[in-house]
Amino acid sequence: MASPARPRIACEIAAGQVLAARADDSGSVVEYYTARSLPPGVVAPGLAPGNVLAAEALREAIAGALSAAGGRSRDVIAVLPDAAVRIVLLDFETLPERAIEAAAIVRFRLKKSVPFDAEHAALSYQAHRANGTVKVVAAVANAAVVAEYETAFREAGYHPGVVVPSTLAAMGLVETSAPTMVVKVEPTSTTVAIAHGEELLLFRMLENHHGTGISGAQLSEDVYPSAVFFQDTYGARIERVLLAGGTPLGQVASALEAQTGARVEEMVTARHVGSSLSGDAIPRSLLAGVAGALVS
């Protein structure tokens, strides 16, 4: 679902925080951001209902963050936790041009891929026709789960006109034709995505039992199977690894480079946030989701 014009404000909900950011007038860089911490037990991201456990605490955090981010519009891009949404990559020989017919076929294919009713799930997808096939990136979530997050925004006085999972939003920052792996580390999960030639070719979410203090060796071990799968399937090597989330680059870069043979970089750069960025003192890497949602 999308508003006619892209909102200038994005707000990401994670298990431990709410983060809001505002784009400049041109929509090309993030000019302000702010974060509000969430106590344990407020949000428990997952595919089943019961993500929002303390609605009032979440509402207050959203209202505080978005109020500080400013802007006259009440429209906001809602960035949801990766764990609350399933991303599925599908191939079709053909797909109807009519959206309603295409969506029905996509839902049918998703029935065996998600642990909830795909027929009545919240669904967004993008189709790309190439080489005689149709490749689809589908984001599907339990409708009741999406409603929990949307209700939190509405009760805070905002309209979530665009709803997108965090790492899929962050992929908007990937601007290269070279095979690129995105690694986003959260306290309980690690998301791995691989894009090549502006096409998303792999998307996996892994359990992370080490938190944001995960070692380079452990993170390398976790993402290595994805790199091998990509190389075996597409006959190409990963050339760049972009790191996002709460794990510092210096903590894992050397091990990731040794394992993948690719250069490791911060996903969010000064080009995305501008030289006059202001806001709370949090790592720039945490802005990947909101920055990708705003400036892609």
C-alpha atoms as a PDB file:
ATOM      1  CA  MET A   1       0.000   0.000   0.000  1.00  0.00           C
ATOM      2  CA  ALA A   2       1.422   3.406  -0.892  1.00  0.00           C
ATOM      3  CA  SER A   3       0.435   7.031  -0.608  1.00  0.00           C
ATOM      4  CA  PRO A   4       0.418   9.166  -3.780  1.00  0.00           C
ATOM      5  CA  ALA A   5       3.626  10.861  -2.627  1.00  0.00           C
ATOM      6  CA  ARG A   6       6.379   9.257  -0.594  1.00  0.00           C
ATOM      7  CA  PRO A   7       6.229  10.477   3.037  1.00  0.00           C
ATOM      8  CA  ARG A   8       9.238  12.437   4.273  1.00  0.00           C
ATOM      9  CA  ILE A   9       9.208  10.623   7.623  1.00  0.00           C
ATOM     10  CA  ALA A  10       9.929   6.957   8.308  1.00  0.00           C
ATOM     11  CA  CYS A  11       9.684   5.103  11.588  1.00  0.00           C
ATOM     12  CA  GLU A  12      11.134   1.678  12.309  1.00  0.00           C
ATOM     13  CA  ILE A  13       9.923  -0.584  15.089  1.00  0.00           C
ATOM     14  CA  ALA A  14      12.373  -3.135  16.435  1.00  0.00           C
ATOM     15  CA  ALA A  15      12.377  -5.372  19.487  1.00  0.00           C
ATOM     16  CA  GLY A  16      14.382  -2.887  21.545  1.00  0.00           C
ATOM     17  CA  GLN A  17      13.745   0.507  20.016  1.00  0.00           C
ATOM     18  CA  VAL A  18      11.695   2.811  17.850  1.00  0.00           C
ATOM     19  CA  LEU A  19      13.709   4.887  15.389  1.00  0.00           C
ATOM     20  CA  ALA A  20      12.321   7.795  13.341  1.00  0.00           C
ATOM     21  CA  ALA A  21      14.023   9.751  10.568  1.00  0.00           C
ATOM     22  CA  ARG A  22      13.167  12.678   8.313  1.00  0.00           C
ATOM     23  CA  ALA A  23      14.364  13.261   4.759  1.00  0.00           C
ATOM     24  CA  ASP A  24      15.313  16.719   3.493  1.00  0.00           C
ATOM     25  CA  ASP A  25      13.088  18.649   1.089  1.00  0.00           C
ATOM     26  CA  SER A  26      14.700  16.989  -1.928  1.00  0.00           C
ATOM     27  CA  GLY A  27      14.172  13.503  -0.521  1.00  0.00           C
ATOM     28  CA  SER A  28      17.780  12.645  -1.297  1.00  0.00           C
ATOM     29  CA  VAL A  29      19.301  12.452   2.205  1.00  0.00           C
ATOM     30  CA  VAL A  30      18.246  11.910   5.803  1.00  0.00           C
ATOM     31  CA  GLU A  31      18.565  15.179   7.688  1.00  0.00           C
ATOM     32  CA  TYR A  32      17.337  14.184  11.154  1.00  0.00           C
ATOM     33  CA  TYR A  33      16.792  11.060  13.208  1.00  0.00           C
ATOM     34  CA  THR A  34      15.830  10.136  16.738  1.00  0.00           C
ATOM     35  CA  ALA A  35      15.438   6.939  18.742  1.00  0.00           C
ATOM     36  CA  ARG A  36      13.364   5.804  21.694  1.00  0.00           C
ATOM     37  CA  SER A  37      14.355   2.667  23.587  1.00  0.00           C
ATOM     38  CA  LEU A  38      11.773   0.002  24.359  1.00  0.00           C
ATOM     39  CA  PRO A  39      11.924  -2.050  27.549  1.00  0.00           C
ATOM     40  CA  PRO A  40      12.036  -5.835  27.130  1.00  0.00           C
ATOM     41  CA  GLY A  41       8.599  -7.333  26.529  1.00  0.00           C
ATOM     42  CA  VAL A  42       7.037  -4.442  24.605  1.00  0.00           C
ATOM     43  CA  VAL A  43       7.528  -5.916  21.136  1.00  0.00           C
ATOM     44  CA  ALA A  44       8.226  -9.556  20.225  1.00  0.00           C
ATOM     45  CA  PRO A  45       8.583  -9.692  16.418  1.00  0.00           C
ATOM     46  CA  GLY A  46       7.325 -12.849  14.753  1.00  0.00           C
ATOM     47  CA  LEU A  47       4.999 -14.253  12.108  1.00  0.00           C
ATOM     48  CA  ALA A  48       2.201 -15.074  14.553  1.00  0.00           C
ATOM     49  CA  PRO A  49      -0.125 -12.556  16.250  1.00  0.00           C
ATOM     50  CA  GLY A  50       1.082 -11.197  19.568  1.00  0.00           C
ATOM     51  CA  ASN A  51       3.925  -9.002  18.331  1.00  0.00           C
ATOM     52  CA  VAL A  52       2.794  -5.977  20.322  1.00  0.00           C
ATOM     53  CA  LEU A  53       2.698  -6.976  23.980  1.00  0.00           C
ATOM     54  CA  ALA A  54       2.527  -3.523  25.582  1.00  0.00           C
ATOM     55  CA  ALA A  55       0.495  -1.306  23.263  1.00  0.00           C
ATOM     56  CA  GLU A  56       0.633   1.834  25.394  1.00  0.00           C
ATOM     57  CA  ALA A  57       4.404   1.752  25.767  1.00  0.00           C
ATOM     58  CA  LEU A  58       4.826   1.290  22.012  1.00  0.00           C
ATOM     59  CA  ARG A  59       2.374   4.062  21.227  1.00  0.00           C
ATOM     60  CA  GLU A  60       4.241   6.474  23.495  1.00  0.00           C
ATOM     61  CA  ALA A  61       7.590   5.582  21.909  1.00  0.00           C
ATOM     62  CA  ILE A  62       6.215   6.081  18.384  1.00  0.00           C
ATOM     63  CA  ALA A  63       4.559   9.380  19.305  1.00  0.00           C
ATOM     64  CA  GLY A  64       7.710  10.666  20.981  1.00  0.00           C
ATOM     65  CA  ALA A  65      10.025   9.696  18.139  1.00  0.00           C
ATOM     66  CA  LEU A  66       7.791  11.026  15.363  1.00  0.00           C
ATOM     67  CA  SER A  67       7.023  14.234  17.227  1.00  0.00           C
ATOM     68  CA  ALA A  68      10.746  14.898  17.548  1.00  0.00           C
ATOM     69  CA  ALA A  69      11.328  14.063  13.877  1.00  0.00           C
ATOM     70  CA  GLY A  70       8.923  16.875  12.978  1.00  0.00           C
ATOM     71  CA  GLY A  71       7.142  17.583   9.748  1.00  0.00           C
ATOM     72  CA  ARG A  72       3.583  18.750   9.263  1.00  0.00           C
ATOM     73  CA  SER A  73       2.311  15.630   7.539  1.00  0.00           C
ATOM     74  CA  ARG A  74       0.915  12.738   9.564  1.00  0.00           C
ATOM     75  CA  ASP A  75       1.816  10.279   6.796  1.00  0.00           C
ATOM     76  CA  VAL A  76       4.684   7.985   7.700  1.00  0.00           C
ATOM     77  CA  ILE A  77       6.560   5.033   6.216  1.00  0.00           C
ATOM     78  CA  ALA A  78       6.216   2.225   8.751  1.00  0.00           C
ATOM     79  CA  VAL A  79       9.291  -0.018   8.795  1.00  0.00           C
ATOM     80  CA  LEU A  80       8.527  -3.358  10.424  1.00  0.00           C
ATOM     81  CA  PRO A  81      10.896  -5.949  11.929  1.00  0.00           C
ATOM     82  CA  ASP A  82      12.183  -8.521   9.445  1.00  0.00           C
ATOM     83  CA  ALA A  83      10.944 -11.292  11.724  1.00  0.00           C
ATOM     84  CA  ALA A  84       7.334 -10.137  11.271  1.00  0.00           C
ATOM     85  CA  VAL A  85       7.356 -10.496   7.473  1.00  0.00           C
ATOM     86  CA  ARG A  86       8.271 -13.385   5.187  1.00  0.00           C
ATOM     87  CA  ILE A  87      10.138 -12.489   1.995  1.00  0.00           C
ATOM     88  CA  VAL A  88       9.751 -15.099  -0.746  1.00  0.00           C
ATOM     89  CA  LEU A  89      11.391 -15.125  -4.188  1.00  0.00           C
ATOM     90  CA  LEU A  90       9.283 -16.788  -6.883  1.00  0.00           C
ATOM     91  CA  ASP A  91       9.702 -17.609 -10.571  1.00  0.00           C
ATOM     92  CA  PHE A  92       6.812 -17.819 -13.042  1.00  0.00           C
ATOM     93  CA  GLU A  93       6.664 -18.610 -16.724  1.00  0.00           C
ATOM     94  CA  THR A  94       3.949 -15.976 -17.101  1.00  0.00           C
ATOM     95  CA  LEU A  95       1.920 -13.705 -14.844  1.00  0.00           C
ATOM     96  CA  PRO A  96      -1.312 -11.871 -15.737  1.00  0.00           C
ATOM     97  CA  GLU A  97      -1.089  -8.137 -16.364  1.00  0.00           C
ATOM     98  CA  ARG A  98      -4.138  -7.449 -14.194  1.00  0.00           C
ATOM     99  CA  ALA A  99      -2.972  -6.924 -10.627  1.00  0.00           C
ATOM    100  CA  ILE A 100      -5.887  -8.736  -8.996  1.00  0.00           C
ATOM    101  CA  GLU A 101      -5.311 -11.844 -11.119  1.00  0.00           C
ATOM    102  CA  ALA A 102      -1.552 -11.787 -10.607  1.00  0.00           C
ATOM    103  CA  ALA A 103      -1.939 -11.405  -6.831  1.00  0.00           C
ATOM    104  CA  ALA A 104      -4.229 -14.451  -6.715  1.00  0.00           C
ATOM    105  CA  ILE A 105      -1.581 -16.574  -8.454  1.00  0.00           C
ATOM    106  CA  VAL A 106       1.170 -15.276  -6.166  1.00  0.00           C
ATOM    107  CA  ARG A 107      -0.952 -16.077  -3.099  1.00  0.00           C
ATOM    108  CA  PHE A 108      -1.549 -19.601  -4.397  1.00  0.00           C
ATOM    109  CA  ARG A 109       2.196 -20.191  -4.739  1.00  0.00           C
ATOM    110  CA  LEU A 110       2.793 -18.816  -1.239  1.00  0.00           C
ATOM    111  CA  LYS A 111       0.454 -21.269   0.478  1.00  0.00           C
ATOM    112  CA  LYS A 112       3.206 -23.788   1.150  1.00  0.00           C
ATOM    113  CA  SER A 113       5.813 -21.142   2.015  1.00  0.00           C
ATOM    114  CA  VAL A 114       4.216 -19.412   4.996  1.00  0.00           C
ATOM    115  CA  PRO A 115       2.824 -20.753   8.301  1.00  0.00           C
ATOM    116  CA  PHE A 116      -0.397 -18.728   8.060  1.00  0.00           C
ATOM    117  CA  ASP A 117      -3.313 -18.220   5.690  1.00  0.00           C
ATOM    118  CA  ALA A 118      -1.738 -16.785   2.529  1.00  0.00           C
ATOM    119  CA  GLU A 119      -5.166 -16.256   0.973  1.00  0.00           C
ATOM    120  CA  HIS A 120      -6.026 -13.519   3.468  1.00  0.00           C
ATOM    121  CA  ALA A 121      -2.505 -12.334   4.312  1.00  0.00           C
ATOM    122  CA  ALA A 122      -1.131  -8.848   3.795  1.00  0.00           C
ATOM    123  CA  LEU A 123       0.750  -9.069   0.492  1.00  0.00           C
ATOM    124  CA  SER A 124       2.981  -6.771  -1.510  1.00  0.00           C
ATOM    125  CA  TYR A 125       5.011  -7.947  -4.483  1.00  0.00           C
ATOM    126  CA  GLN A 126       7.191  -6.696  -7.308  1.00  0.00           C
ATOM    127  CA  ALA A 127       7.371  -8.501 -10.651  1.00  0.00           C
ATOM    128  CA  HIS A 128      10.301  -8.269 -13.055  1.00  0.00           C
ATOM    129  CA  ARG A 129      10.151  -9.787 -16.537  1.00  0.00           C
ATOM    130  CA  ALA A 130      13.457 -10.971 -17.975  1.00  0.00           C
ATOM    131  CA  ASN A 131      14.707 -13.744 -20.255  1.00  0.00           C
ATOM    132  CA  GLY A 132      11.253 -15.148 -20.860  1.00  0.00           C
ATOM    133  CA  THR A 133      10.364 -15.556 -17.179  1.00  0.00           C
ATOM    134  CA  VAL A 134       8.740 -13.472 -14.481  1.00  0.00           C
ATOM    135  CA  LYS A 135      10.636 -13.087 -11.212  1.00  0.00           C
ATOM    136  CA  VAL A 136       8.630 -11.968  -8.203  1.00  0.00           C
ATOM    137  CA  VAL A 137       9.777 -10.622  -4.847  1.00  0.00           C
ATOM    138  CA  ALA A 138       6.854 -11.094  -2.470  1.00  0.00           C
ATOM    139  CA  ALA A 139       6.544  -9.665   1.028  1.00  0.00           C
ATOM    140  CA  VAL A 140       3.797 -11.478   2.899  1.00  0.00           C
ATOM    141  CA  ALA A 141       2.693 -11.204   6.512  1.00  0.00           C
ATOM    142  CA  ASN A 142      -0.095 -12.354   8.751  1.00  0.00           C
ATOM    143  CA  ALA A 143      -2.746  -9.658   8.351  1.00  0.00           C
ATOM    144  CA  ALA A 144      -3.356  -9.629  12.102  1.00  0.00           C
ATOM    145  CA  VAL A 145       0.345  -8.951  12.739  1.00  0.00           C
ATOM    146  CA  VAL A 146       0.434  -6.025  10.312  1.00  0.00           C
ATOM    147  CA  ALA A 147      -2.737  -4.680  11.941  1.00  0.00           C
ATOM    148  CA  GLU A 148      -1.001  -4.657  15.337  1.00  0.00           C
ATOM    149  CA  TYR A 149       1.759  -2.382  14.046  1.00  0.00           C
ATOM    150  CA  GLU A 150      -0.562  -0.185  11.985  1.00  0.00           C
ATOM    151  CA  THR A 151      -2.829   0.268  15.011  1.00  0.00           C
ATOM    152  CA  ALA A 152       0.145   1.436  17.084  1.00  0.00           C
ATOM    153  CA  PHE A 153       0.897   4.150  14.517  1.00  0.00           C
ATOM    154  CA  ARG A 154      -2.724   5.245  14.211  1.00  0.00           C
ATOM    155  CA  GLU A 155      -3.175   5.425  17.977  1.00  0.00           C
ATOM    156  CA  ALA A 156      -0.075   7.642  18.054  1.00  0.00           C
ATOM    157  CA  GLY A 157      -1.814   9.962  15.567  1.00  0.00           C
ATOM    158  CA  TYR A 158      -0.056   8.931  12.343  1.00  0.00           C
ATOM    159  CA  HIS A 159      -1.078   7.242   9.108  1.00  0.00           C
ATOM    160  CA  PRO A 160       1.167   4.344   8.006  1.00  0.00           C
ATOM    161  CA  GLY A 161       0.580   4.817   4.274  1.00  0.00           C
ATOM    162  CA  VAL A 162       3.607   2.700   3.332  1.00  0.00           C
ATOM    163  CA  VAL A 163       4.502  -0.482   5.227  1.00  0.00           C
ATOM    164  CA  VAL A 164       7.774  -2.305   4.494  1.00  0.00           C
ATOM    165  CA  PRO A 165      10.081  -4.769   6.307  1.00  0.00           C
ATOM    166  CA  SER A 166      13.402  -3.363   7.465  1.00  0.00           C
ATOM    167  CA  THR A 167      15.977  -5.109   5.265  1.00  0.00           C
ATOM    168  CA  LEU A 168      13.804  -4.876   2.150  1.00  0.00           C
ATOM    169  CA  ALA A 169      13.622  -1.126   2.778  1.00  0.00           C
ATOM    170  CA  ALA A 170      17.385  -0.988   3.307  1.00  0.00           C
ATOM    171  CA  MET A 171      17.957  -2.614  -0.104  1.00  0.00           C
ATOM    172  CA  GLY A 172      17.030   0.738  -1.603  1.00  0.00           C
ATOM    173  CA  LEU A 173      20.520   1.903  -0.616  1.00  0.00           C
ATOM    174  CA  VAL A 174      22.243  -0.705  -2.815  1.00  0.00           C
ATOM    175  CA  GLU A 175      23.440   1.079  -5.948  1.00  0.00           C
ATOM    176  CA  THR A 176      25.769  -1.210  -7.852  1.00  0.00           C
ATOM    177  CA  SER A 177      25.636  -3.790 -10.606  1.00  0.00           C
ATOM    178  CA  ALA A 178      28.257  -5.923  -8.833  1.00  0.00           C
ATOM    179  CA  PRO A 179      27.078  -8.915  -6.757  1.00  0.00           C
ATOM    180  CA  THR A 180      26.402  -7.443  -3.325  1.00  0.00           C
ATOM    181  CA  MET A 181      25.537  -9.084  -0.029  1.00  0.00           C
ATOM    182  CA  VAL A 182      23.676  -7.134   2.638  1.00  0.00           C
ATOM    183  CA  VAL A 183      24.079  -8.344   6.225  1.00  0.00           C
ATOM    184  CA  LYS A 184      21.801  -6.774   8.836  1.00  0.00           C
ATOM    185  CA  VAL A 185      22.470  -7.853  12.404  1.00  0.00           C
ATOM    186  CA  GLU A 186      19.735  -7.555  15.024  1.00  0.00           C
ATOM    187  CA  PRO A 187      19.814  -8.714  18.669  1.00  0.00           C
ATOM    188  CA  THR A 188      17.977 -11.975  17.857  1.00  0.00           C
ATOM    189  CA  SER A 189      18.357 -12.408  14.099  1.00  0.00           C
ATOM    190  CA  THR A 190      20.635 -11.820  11.135  1.00  0.00           C
ATOM    191  CA  THR A 191      19.177 -11.076   7.718  1.00  0.00           C
ATOM    192  CA  VAL A 192      21.190 -11.867   4.598  1.00  0.00           C
ATOM    193  CA  ALA A 193      20.227 -10.564   1.161  1.00  0.00           C
ATOM    194  CA  ILE A 194      22.107 -10.766  -2.136  1.00  0.00           C
ATOM    195  CA  ALA A 195      21.448  -8.497  -5.109  1.00  0.00           C
ATOM    196  CA  HIS A 196      23.038  -8.446  -8.548  1.00  0.00           C
ATOM    197  CA  GLY A 197      22.196  -6.099 -11.399  1.00  0.00           C
ATOM    198  CA  GLU A 198      19.394  -4.466  -9.353  1.00  0.00           C
ATOM    199  CA  GLU A 199      17.729  -7.861  -8.886  1.00  0.00           C
ATOM    200  CA  LEU A 200      17.204  -9.489  -5.490  1.00  0.00           C
ATOM    201  CA  LEU A 201      18.447 -13.073  -5.806  1.00  0.00           C
ATOM    202  CA  LEU A 202      18.539 -14.321  -2.216  1.00  0.00           C
ATOM    203  CA  PHE A 203      16.881 -13.368   1.047  1.00  0.00           C
ATOM    204  CA  ARG A 204      17.328 -15.292   4.279  1.00  0.00           C
ATOM    205  CA  MET A 205      16.710 -14.572   7.931  1.00  0.00           C
ATOM    206  CA  LEU A 206      18.842 -16.526  10.408  1.00  0.00           C
ATOM    207  CA  GLU A 207      18.586 -16.944  14.156  1.00  0.00           C
ATOM    208  CA  ASN A 208      21.251 -14.994  16.023  1.00  0.00           C
ATOM    209  CA  HIS A 209      22.021 -16.264  19.511  1.00  0.00           C
ATOM    210  CA  HIS A 210      24.954 -13.890  20.020  1.00  0.00           C
ATOM    211  CA  GLY A 211      23.231 -10.490  19.805  1.00  0.00           C
ATOM    212  CA  THR A 212      24.909  -7.436  18.305  1.00  0.00           C
ATOM    213  CA  GLY A 213      28.115  -8.488  20.059  1.00  0.00           C
ATOM    214  CA  ILE A 214      28.482 -11.356  17.604  1.00  0.00           C
ATOM    215  CA  SER A 215      32.085 -12.078  16.629  1.00  0.00           C
ATOM    216  CA  GLY A 216      33.391 -11.755  13.101  1.00  0.00           C
ATOM    217  CA  ALA A 217      34.122 -15.479  13.039  1.00  0.00           C
ATOM    218  CA  GLN A 218      30.582 -16.426  14.048  1.00  0.00           C
ATOM    219  CA  LEU A 219      28.954 -13.978  11.648  1.00  0.00           C
ATOM    220  CA  SER A 220      31.165 -15.238   8.818  1.00  0.00           C
ATOM    221  CA  GLU A 221      30.140 -18.792   9.595  1.00  0.00           C
ATOM    222  CA  ASP A 222      26.482 -17.780   9.524  1.00  0.00           C
ATOM    223  CA  VAL A 223      26.577 -15.994   6.162  1.00  0.00           C
ATOM    224  CA  TYR A 224      29.041 -18.285   4.373  1.00  0.00           C
ATOM    225  CA  PRO A 225      26.406 -20.787   3.149  1.00  0.00           C
ATOM    226  CA  SER A 226      24.547 -17.950   1.418  1.00  0.00           C
ATOM    227  CA  ALA A 227      27.718 -16.832  -0.357  1.00  0.00           C
ATOM    228  CA  VAL A 228      28.433 -20.403  -1.489  1.00  0.00           C
ATOM    229  CA  PHE A 229      24.847 -20.876  -2.685  1.00  0.00           C
ATOM    230  CA  PHE A 230      25.041 -17.704  -4.736  1.00  0.00           C
ATOM    231  CA  GLN A 231      28.358 -18.671  -6.309  1.00  0.00           C
ATOM    232  CA  ASP A 232      27.196 -22.206  -7.133  1.00  0.00           C
ATOM    233  CA  THR A 233      23.851 -21.047  -8.515  1.00  0.00           C
ATOM    234  CA  TYR A 234      24.872 -17.984 -10.490  1.00  0.00           C
ATOM    235  CA  GLY A 235      28.549 -18.630 -11.222  1.00  0.00           C
ATOM    236  CA  ALA A 236      29.670 -15.343  -9.688  1.00  0.00           C
ATOM    237  CA  ARG A 237      31.385 -14.276  -6.482  1.00  0.00           C
ATOM    238  CA  ILE A 238      30.196 -11.695  -3.978  1.00  0.00           C
ATOM    239  CA  GLU A 239      32.164  -8.480  -4.583  1.00  0.00           C
ATOM    240  CA  ARG A 240      30.775  -6.276  -1.807  1.00  0.00           C
ATOM    241  CA  VAL A 241      29.331  -6.881   1.641  1.00  0.00           C
ATOM    242  CA  LEU A 242      27.279  -4.048   3.127  1.00  0.00           C
ATOM    243  CA  LEU A 243      26.830  -4.154   6.893  1.00  0.00           C
ATOM    244  CA  ALA A 244      23.812  -2.739   8.710  1.00  0.00           C
ATOM    245  CA  GLY A 245      22.328  -3.057  12.178  1.00  0.00           C
ATOM    246  CA  GLY A 246      23.913  -2.771  15.571  1.00  0.00           C
ATOM    247  CA  THR A 247      27.222  -4.598  15.048  1.00  0.00           C
ATOM    248  CA  PRO A 248      30.242  -2.279  14.532  1.00  0.00           C
ATOM    249  CA  LEU A 249      32.083  -2.689  11.224  1.00  0.00           C
ATOM    250  CA  GLY A 250      35.474  -2.992  12.898  1.00  0.00           C
ATOM    251  CA  GLN A 251      34.237  -5.918  14.970  1.00  0.00           C
ATOM    252  CA  VAL A 252      33.501  -8.188  12.007  1.00  0.00           C
ATOM    253  CA  ALA A 253      34.988  -6.699   8.809  1.00  0.00           C
ATOM    254  CA  SER A 254      38.278  -8.617   8.647  1.00  0.00           C
ATOM    255  CA  ALA A 255      36.649 -11.998   9.250  1.00  0.00           C
ATOM    256  CA  LEU A 256      33.901 -11.340   6.701  1.00  0.00           C
ATOM    257  CA  GLU A 257      36.448 -10.226   4.113  1.00  0.00           C
ATOM    258  CA  ALA A 258      38.549 -13.330   4.697  1.00  0.00           C
ATOM    259  CA  GLN A 259      35.531 -15.616   4.393  1.00  0.00           C
ATOM    260  CA  THR A 260      33.829 -14.025   1.387  1.00  0.00           C
ATOM    261  CA  GLY A 261      36.788 -12.495  -0.449  1.00  0.00           C
ATOM    262  CA  ALA A 262      34.741  -9.300  -0.778  1.00  0.00           C
ATOM    263  CA  ARG A 263      35.310  -5.832   0.594  1.00  0.00           C
ATOM    264  CA  VAL A 264      33.116  -5.033   3.590  1.00  0.00           C
ATOM    265  CA  GLU A 265      31.605  -1.563   3.951  1.00  0.00           C
ATOM    266  CA  GLU A 266      29.057   0.312   6.011  1.00  0.00           C
ATOM    267  CA  MET A 267      25.678   0.270   4.296  1.00  0.00           C
ATOM    268  CA  VAL A 268      24.737   3.773   5.420  1.00  0.00           C
ATOM    269  CA  THR A 269      27.276   6.343   4.238  1.00  0.00           C
ATOM    270  CA  ALA A 270      27.644  10.108   4.496  1.00  0.00           C
ATOM    271  CA  ARG A 271      26.019  10.365   1.074  1.00  0.00           C
ATOM    272  CA  HIS A 272      22.787   8.938   2.482  1.00  0.00           C
ATOM    273  CA  VAL A 273      22.630  11.038   5.624  1.00  0.00           C
ATOM    274  CA  GLY A 274      24.272  14.285   4.543  1.00  0.00           C
ATOM    275  CA  SER A 275      26.827  16.423   6.305  1.00  0.00           C
ATOM    276  CA  SER A 276      24.292  18.281   8.452  1.00  0.00           C
ATOM    277  CA  LEU A 277      22.626  15.220   9.967  1.00  0.00           C
ATOM    278  CA  SER A 278      21.415  15.821  13.491  1.00  0.00           C
ATOM    279  CA  GLY A 279      19.809  13.611  16.071  1.00  0.00           C
ATOM    280  CA  ASP A 280      20.528  11.216  18.888  1.00  0.00           C
ATOM    281  CA  ALA A 281      23.940   9.624  19.331  1.00  0.00           C
ATOM    282  CA  ILE A 282      23.328   6.169  17.867  1.00  0.00           C
ATOM    283  CA  PRO A 283      25.365   4.226  15.298  1.00  0.00           C
ATOM    284  CA  ARG A 284      24.704   5.339  11.728  1.00  0.00           C
ATOM    285  CA  SER A 285      24.363   1.694  10.706  1.00  0.00           C
ATOM    286  CA  LEU A 286      21.041   1.506  12.571  1.00  0.00           C
ATOM    287  CA  LEU A 287      19.554   3.934  10.044  1.00  0.00           C
ATOM    288  CA  ALA A 288      19.643   1.462   7.142  1.00  0.00           C
ATOM    289  CA  GLY A 289      15.934   0.656   7.206  1.00  0.00           C
ATOM    290  CA  VAL A 290      14.627   4.199   7.543  1.00  0.00           C
ATOM    291  CA  ALA A 291      17.263   5.651   5.199  1.00  0.00           C
ATOM    292  CA  GLY A 292      16.481   3.098   2.514  1.00  0.00           C
ATOM    293  CA  ALA A 293      12.763   3.763   2.898  1.00  0.00           C
ATOM    294  CA  LEU A 294      13.236   7.525   2.556  1.00  0.00           C
ATOM    295  CA  VAL A 295      15.963   8.113  -0.028  1.00  0.00           C
ATOM    296  CA  SER A 296      15.831   5.074  -2.341  1.00  0.00           C
END
